[in-house]
Amino acid sequence: MVRHIPALLEEFLIAAALMTALGAAVAVVFWFFTGLSPWPYLILAEISAFGWGTVMLAIGSPRSRSR
């Protein structure tokens, strides 16, 4: 028995994974180029951007038919 997750939940999970990867990449690049810890300013800004970015990616993604 295969259970499918709803399309919007699937899109949200993909968007959350992408935003997490993007946030981690930005923090590492910032740390690499400046030598300064990205905490607290960059990390706190990324937390709020994570919410907005995830919502925008999940809602703005192409719609697919129900399975």
PDB file of N, CA and C in Angstrom:
ATOM      1  N   MET A   1       0.840  -1.168   0.000  1.00  0.00           N
ATOM      2  CA  MET A   1       0.000   0.000   0.000  1.00  0.00           C
ATOM      3  C   MET A   1       0.894   1.244   0.000  1.00  0.00           C
ATOM      4  N   VAL A   2       0.773   2.044  -1.009  1.00  0.00           N
ATOM      5  CA  VAL A   2       1.567   3.254  -1.134  1.00  0.00           C
ATOM      6  C   VAL A   2       0.685   4.447  -0.781  1.00  0.00           C
ATOM      7  N   ARG A   3       1.165   5.247   0.158  1.00  0.00           N
ATOM      8  CA  ARG A   3       0.418   6.445   0.539  1.00  0.00           C
ATOM      9  C   ARG A   3       1.102   7.652  -0.065  1.00  0.00           C
ATOM     10  N   HIS A   4       0.328   8.484  -0.694  1.00  0.00           N
ATOM     11  CA  HIS A   4       0.855   9.694  -1.305  1.00  0.00           C
ATOM     12  C   HIS A   4       0.574  10.874  -0.388  1.00  0.00           C
ATOM     13  N   ILE A   5       1.529  11.781  -0.320  1.00  0.00           N
ATOM     14  CA  ILE A   5       1.300  12.984   0.464  1.00  0.00           C
ATOM     15  C   ILE A   5       0.627  14.018  -0.433  1.00  0.00           C
ATOM     16  N   PRO A   6      -0.156  14.904   0.143  1.00  0.00           N
ATOM     17  CA  PRO A   6      -0.828  15.931  -0.666  1.00  0.00           C
ATOM     18  C   PRO A   6       0.193  16.778  -1.434  1.00  0.00           C
ATOM     19  N   ALA A   7      -0.215  17.261  -2.581  1.00  0.00           N
ATOM     20  CA  ALA A   7       0.685  18.012  -3.461  1.00  0.00           C
ATOM     21  C   ALA A   7       1.220  19.269  -2.785  1.00  0.00           C
ATOM     22  N   LEU A   8       0.375  19.992  -2.053  1.00  0.00           N
ATOM     23  CA  LEU A   8       0.838  21.224  -1.406  1.00  0.00           C
ATOM     24  C   LEU A   8       1.858  20.921  -0.313  1.00  0.00           C
ATOM     25  N   LEU A   9       1.670  19.837   0.412  1.00  0.00           N
ATOM     26  CA  LEU A   9       2.637  19.447   1.441  1.00  0.00           C
ATOM     27  C   LEU A   9       3.966  19.044   0.802  1.00  0.00           C
ATOM     28  N   GLU A  10       3.889  18.340  -0.303  1.00  0.00           N
ATOM     29  CA  GLU A  10       5.104  17.954  -1.020  1.00  0.00           C
ATOM     30  C   GLU A  10       5.865  19.196  -1.500  1.00  0.00           C
ATOM     31  N   GLU A  11       5.142  20.159  -2.054  1.00  0.00           N
ATOM     32  CA  GLU A  11       5.771  21.396  -2.519  1.00  0.00           C
ATOM     33  C   GLU A  11       6.367  22.172  -1.350  1.00  0.00           C
ATOM     34  N   PHE A  12       5.688  22.176  -0.201  1.00  0.00           N
ATOM     35  CA  PHE A  12       6.209  22.857   0.974  1.00  0.00           C
ATOM     36  C   PHE A  12       7.495  22.199   1.460  1.00  0.00           C
ATOM     37  N   LEU A  13       7.543  20.882   1.487  1.00  0.00           N
ATOM     38  CA  LEU A  13       8.748  20.185   1.942  1.00  0.00           C
ATOM     39  C   LEU A  13       9.928  20.441   1.014  1.00  0.00           C
ATOM     40  N   ILE A  14       9.673  20.458  -0.277  1.00  0.00           N
ATOM     41  CA  ILE A  14      10.743  20.761  -1.236  1.00  0.00           C
ATOM     42  C   ILE A  14      11.225  22.196  -1.047  1.00  0.00           C
ATOM     43  N   ALA A  15      10.295  23.126  -0.884  1.00  0.00           N
ATOM     44  CA  ALA A  15      10.662  24.527  -0.676  1.00  0.00           C
ATOM     45  C   ALA A  15      11.451  24.698   0.620  1.00  0.00           C
ATOM     46  N   ALA A  16      11.056  23.995   1.675  1.00  0.00           N
ATOM     47  CA  ALA A  16      11.769  24.084   2.948  1.00  0.00           C
ATOM     48  C   ALA A  16      13.192  23.552   2.817  1.00  0.00           C
ATOM     49  N   ALA A  17      13.361  22.469   2.081  1.00  0.00           N
ATOM     50  CA  ALA A  17      14.699  21.914   1.862  1.00  0.00           C
ATOM     51  C   ALA A  17      15.563  22.883   1.056  1.00  0.00           C
ATOM     52  N   LEU A  18      14.976  23.497   0.031  1.00  0.00           N
ATOM     53  CA  LEU A  18      15.730  24.461  -0.768  1.00  0.00           C
ATOM     54  C   LEU A  18      16.125  25.690   0.050  1.00  0.00           C
ATOM     55  N   MET A  19      15.224  26.201   0.859  1.00  0.00           N
ATOM     56  CA  MET A  19      15.535  27.371   1.672  1.00  0.00           C
ATOM     57  C   MET A  19      16.579  27.045   2.739  1.00  0.00           C
ATOM     58  N   THR A  20      16.540  25.845   3.291  1.00  0.00           N
ATOM     59  CA  THR A  20      17.546  25.433   4.263  1.00  0.00           C
ATOM     60  C   THR A  20      18.919  25.362   3.611  1.00  0.00           C
ATOM     61  N   ALA A  21      18.977  24.762   2.416  1.00  0.00           N
ATOM     62  CA  ALA A  21      20.249  24.672   1.702  1.00  0.00           C
ATOM     63  C   ALA A  21      20.771  26.056   1.325  1.00  0.00           C
ATOM     64  N   LEU A  22      19.899  26.927   0.867  1.00  0.00           N
ATOM     65  CA  LEU A  22      20.304  28.281   0.502  1.00  0.00           C
ATOM     66  C   LEU A  22      20.807  29.052   1.723  1.00  0.00           C
ATOM     67  N   GLY A  23      20.103  28.953   2.835  1.00  0.00           N
ATOM     68  CA  GLY A  23      20.522  29.633   4.055  1.00  0.00           C
ATOM     69  C   GLY A  23      21.868  29.140   4.556  1.00  0.00           C
ATOM     70  N   ALA A  24      22.075  27.835   4.512  1.00  0.00           N
ATOM     71  CA  ALA A  24      23.364  27.279   4.932  1.00  0.00           C
ATOM     72  C   ALA A  24      24.487  27.740   4.009  1.00  0.00           C
ATOM     73  N   ALA A  25      24.226  27.764   2.709  1.00  0.00           N
ATOM     74  CA  ALA A  25      25.239  28.197   1.749  1.00  0.00           C
ATOM     75  C   ALA A  25      25.605  29.663   1.964  1.00  0.00           C
ATOM     76  N   VAL A  26      24.619  30.512   2.196  1.00  0.00           N
ATOM     77  CA  VAL A  26      24.891  31.934   2.427  1.00  0.00           C
ATOM     78  C   VAL A  26      25.717  32.119   3.703  1.00  0.00           C
ATOM     79  N   ALA A  27      25.374  31.380   4.763  1.00  0.00           N
ATOM     80  CA  ALA A  27      26.118  31.500   6.021  1.00  0.00           C
ATOM     81  C   ALA A  27      27.568  31.040   5.850  1.00  0.00           C
ATOM     82  N   VAL A  28      27.781  29.945   5.133  1.00  0.00           N
ATOM     83  CA  VAL A  28      29.138  29.441   4.918  1.00  0.00           C
ATOM     84  C   VAL A  28      29.950  30.405   4.054  1.00  0.00           C
ATOM     85  N   VAL A  29      29.348  30.927   3.009  1.00  0.00           N
ATOM     86  CA  VAL A  29      30.061  31.877   2.142  1.00  0.00           C
ATOM     87  C   VAL A  29      30.395  33.151   2.921  1.00  0.00           C
ATOM     88  N   PHE A  30      29.456  33.637   3.721  1.00  0.00           N
ATOM     89  CA  PHE A  30      29.704  34.825   4.549  1.00  0.00           C
ATOM     90  C   PHE A  30      30.871  34.572   5.490  1.00  0.00           C
ATOM     91  N   TRP A  31      30.857  33.420   6.152  1.00  0.00           N
ATOM     92  CA  TRP A  31      31.910  33.073   7.100  1.00  0.00           C
ATOM     93  C   TRP A  31      33.254  32.936   6.386  1.00  0.00           C
ATOM     94  N   PHE A  32      33.249  32.338   5.193  1.00  0.00           N
ATOM     95  CA  PHE A  32      34.472  32.133   4.428  1.00  0.00           C
ATOM     96  C   PHE A  32      35.099  33.455   3.994  1.00  0.00           C
ATOM     97  N   PHE A  33      34.281  34.365   3.475  1.00  0.00           N
ATOM     98  CA  PHE A  33      34.818  35.614   2.940  1.00  0.00           C
ATOM     99  C   PHE A  33      35.140  36.656   4.007  1.00  0.00           C
ATOM    100  N   THR A  34      34.400  36.682   5.102  1.00  0.00           N
ATOM    101  CA  THR A  34      34.640  37.717   6.120  1.00  0.00           C
ATOM    102  C   THR A  34      35.444  37.210   7.297  1.00  0.00           C
ATOM    103  N   GLY A  35      35.420  35.912   7.540  1.00  0.00           N
ATOM    104  CA  GLY A  35      36.093  35.364   8.713  1.00  0.00           C
ATOM    105  C   GLY A  35      35.330  35.621  10.003  1.00  0.00           C
ATOM    106  N   LEU A  36      34.147  36.218   9.883  1.00  0.00           N
ATOM    107  CA  LEU A  36      33.308  36.508  11.038  1.00  0.00           C
ATOM    108  C   LEU A  36      32.194  35.474  11.148  1.00  0.00           C
ATOM    109  N   SER A  37      31.803  35.186  12.372  1.00  0.00           N
ATOM    110  CA  SER A  37      30.692  34.271  12.581  1.00  0.00           C
ATOM    111  C   SER A  37      29.396  34.918  12.094  1.00  0.00           C
ATOM    112  N   PRO A  38      28.584  34.175  11.374  1.00  0.00           N
ATOM    113  CA  PRO A  38      27.326  34.748  10.890  1.00  0.00           C
ATOM    114  C   PRO A  38      26.266  34.907  11.986  1.00  0.00           C
ATOM    115  N   TRP A  39      26.579  34.471  13.202  1.00  0.00           N
ATOM    116  CA  TRP A  39      25.633  34.614  14.294  1.00  0.00           C
ATOM    117  C   TRP A  39      25.834  35.974  14.922  1.00  0.00           C
ATOM    118  N   PRO A  40      24.887  36.728  15.342  1.00  0.00           N
ATOM    119  CA  PRO A  40      23.454  36.473  15.310  1.00  0.00           C
ATOM    120  C   PRO A  40      22.757  37.140  14.133  1.00  0.00           C
ATOM    121  N   TYR A  41      23.382  38.134  13.524  1.00  0.00           N
ATOM    122  CA  TYR A  41      22.673  38.966  12.553  1.00  0.00           C
ATOM    123  C   TYR A  41      22.240  38.188  11.316  1.00  0.00           C
ATOM    124  N   LEU A  42      23.163  37.512  10.682  1.00  0.00           N
ATOM    125  CA  LEU A  42      22.830  36.802   9.442  1.00  0.00           C
ATOM    126  C   LEU A  42      21.893  35.630   9.707  1.00  0.00           C
ATOM    127  N   ILE A  43      22.155  34.884  10.751  1.00  0.00           N
ATOM    128  CA  ILE A  43      21.326  33.711  11.064  1.00  0.00           C
ATOM    129  C   ILE A  43      19.899  34.143  11.423  1.00  0.00           C
ATOM    130  N   LEU A  44      19.753  35.167  12.229  1.00  0.00           N
ATOM    131  CA  LEU A  44      18.405  35.636  12.595  1.00  0.00           C
ATOM    132  C   LEU A  44      17.662  36.188  11.383  1.00  0.00           C
ATOM    133  N   ALA A  45      18.368  36.861  10.500  1.00  0.00           N
ATOM    134  CA  ALA A  45      17.730  37.360   9.279  1.00  0.00           C
ATOM    135  C   ALA A  45      17.313  36.196   8.387  1.00  0.00           C
ATOM    136  N   GLU A  46      18.124  35.142   8.349  1.00  0.00           N
ATOM    137  CA  GLU A  46      17.783  33.983   7.525  1.00  0.00           C
ATOM    138  C   GLU A  46      16.568  33.232   8.063  1.00  0.00           C
ATOM    139  N   ILE A  47      16.370  33.257   9.363  1.00  0.00           N
ATOM    140  CA  ILE A  47      15.203  32.571   9.930  1.00  0.00           C
ATOM    141  C   ILE A  47      13.916  33.223   9.440  1.00  0.00           C
ATOM    142  N   SER A  48      13.875  34.547   9.447  1.00  0.00           N
ATOM    143  CA  SER A  48      12.671  35.214   8.951  1.00  0.00           C
ATOM    144  C   SER A  48      12.549  35.045   7.435  1.00  0.00           C
ATOM    145  N   ALA A  49      13.663  35.084   6.732  1.00  0.00           N
ATOM    146  CA  ALA A  49      13.628  34.884   5.276  1.00  0.00           C
ATOM    147  C   ALA A  49      13.224  33.456   4.927  1.00  0.00           C
ATOM    148  N   PHE A  50      13.550  32.506   5.793  1.00  0.00           N
ATOM    149  CA  PHE A  50      13.168  31.115   5.563  1.00  0.00           C
ATOM    150  C   PHE A  50      11.649  30.983   5.461  1.00  0.00           C
ATOM    151  N   GLY A  51      10.952  31.618   6.382  1.00  0.00           N
ATOM    152  CA  GLY A  51       9.487  31.542   6.361  1.00  0.00           C
ATOM    153  C   GLY A  51       8.900  32.142   5.103  1.00  0.00           C
ATOM    154  N   TRP A  52       9.341  33.340   4.761  1.00  0.00           N
ATOM    155  CA  TRP A  52       8.819  34.005   3.561  1.00  0.00           C
ATOM    156  C   TRP A  52       9.206  33.239   2.297  1.00  0.00           C
ATOM    157  N   GLY A  53      10.443  32.813   2.214  1.00  0.00           N
ATOM    158  CA  GLY A  53      10.900  32.104   1.015  1.00  0.00           C
ATOM    159  C   GLY A  53      10.191  30.782   0.822  1.00  0.00           C
ATOM    160  N   THR A  54       9.974  30.058   1.911  1.00  0.00           N
ATOM    161  CA  THR A  54       9.280  28.772   1.820  1.00  0.00           C
ATOM    162  C   THR A  54       7.857  28.958   1.333  1.00  0.00           C
ATOM    163  N   VAL A  55       7.175  29.941   1.879  1.00  0.00           N
ATOM    164  CA  VAL A  55       5.797  30.204   1.458  1.00  0.00           C
ATOM    165  C   VAL A  55       5.748  30.606  -0.015  1.00  0.00           C
ATOM    166  N   MET A  56       6.648  31.488  -0.414  1.00  0.00           N
ATOM    167  CA  MET A  56       6.663  31.943  -1.817  1.00  0.00           C
ATOM    168  C   MET A  56       6.980  30.805  -2.783  1.00  0.00           C
ATOM    169  N   LEU A  57       7.928  29.950  -2.424  1.00  0.00           N
ATOM    170  CA  LEU A  57       8.262  28.831  -3.303  1.00  0.00           C
ATOM    171  C   LEU A  57       7.133  27.799  -3.360  1.00  0.00           C
ATOM    172  N   ALA A  58       6.509  27.509  -2.223  1.00  0.00           N
ATOM    173  CA  ALA A  58       5.450  26.502  -2.193  1.00  0.00           C
ATOM    174  C   ALA A  58       4.198  26.986  -2.910  1.00  0.00           C
ATOM    175  N   ILE A  59       3.806  28.225  -2.681  1.00  0.00           N
ATOM    176  CA  ILE A  59       2.580  28.732  -3.293  1.00  0.00           C
ATOM    177  C   ILE A  59       2.789  29.067  -4.766  1.00  0.00           C
ATOM    178  N   GLY A  60       3.963  29.544  -5.101  1.00  0.00           N
ATOM    179  CA  GLY A  60       4.233  29.946  -6.485  1.00  0.00           C
ATOM    180  C   GLY A  60       4.660  28.818  -7.404  1.00  0.00           C
ATOM    181  N   SER A  61       4.715  27.602  -6.885  1.00  0.00           N
ATOM    182  CA  SER A  61       5.146  26.481  -7.728  1.00  0.00           C
ATOM    183  C   SER A  61       4.031  26.075  -8.681  1.00  0.00           C
ATOM    184  N   PRO A  62       4.397  25.463  -9.790  1.00  0.00           N
ATOM    185  CA  PRO A  62       3.367  25.032 -10.754  1.00  0.00           C
ATOM    186  C   PRO A  62       2.420  24.015 -10.120  1.00  0.00           C
ATOM    187  N   ARG A  63       1.193  24.126 -10.450  1.00  0.00           N
ATOM    188  CA  ARG A  63       0.187  23.189  -9.915  1.00  0.00           C
ATOM    189  C   ARG A  63       0.185  21.910 -10.728  1.00  0.00           C
ATOM    190  N   SER A  64      -0.033  20.816 -10.030  1.00  0.00           N
ATOM    191  CA  SER A  64      -0.144  19.539 -10.711  1.00  0.00           C
ATOM    192  C   SER A  64      -1.493  18.935 -10.383  1.00  0.00           C
ATOM    193  N   ARG A  65      -1.900  17.994 -11.168  1.00  0.00           N
ATOM    194  CA  ARG A  65      -3.179  17.337 -10.910  1.00  0.00           C
ATOM    195  C   ARG A  65      -3.078  16.471  -9.667  1.00  0.00           C
ATOM    196  N   SER A  66      -4.204  16.280  -9.021  1.00  0.00           N
ATOM    197  CA  SER A  66      -4.223  15.383  -7.860  1.00  0.00           C
ATOM    198  C   SER A  66      -3.902  13.978  -8.317  1.00  0.00           C
ATOM    199  N   ARG A  67      -3.246  13.265  -7.447  1.00  0.00           N
ATOM    200  CA  ARG A  67      -2.816  11.908  -7.812  1.00  0.00           C
ATOM    201  C   ARG A  67      -3.925  10.913  -7.638  1.00  0.00           C
TER     202      ARG A  67
END
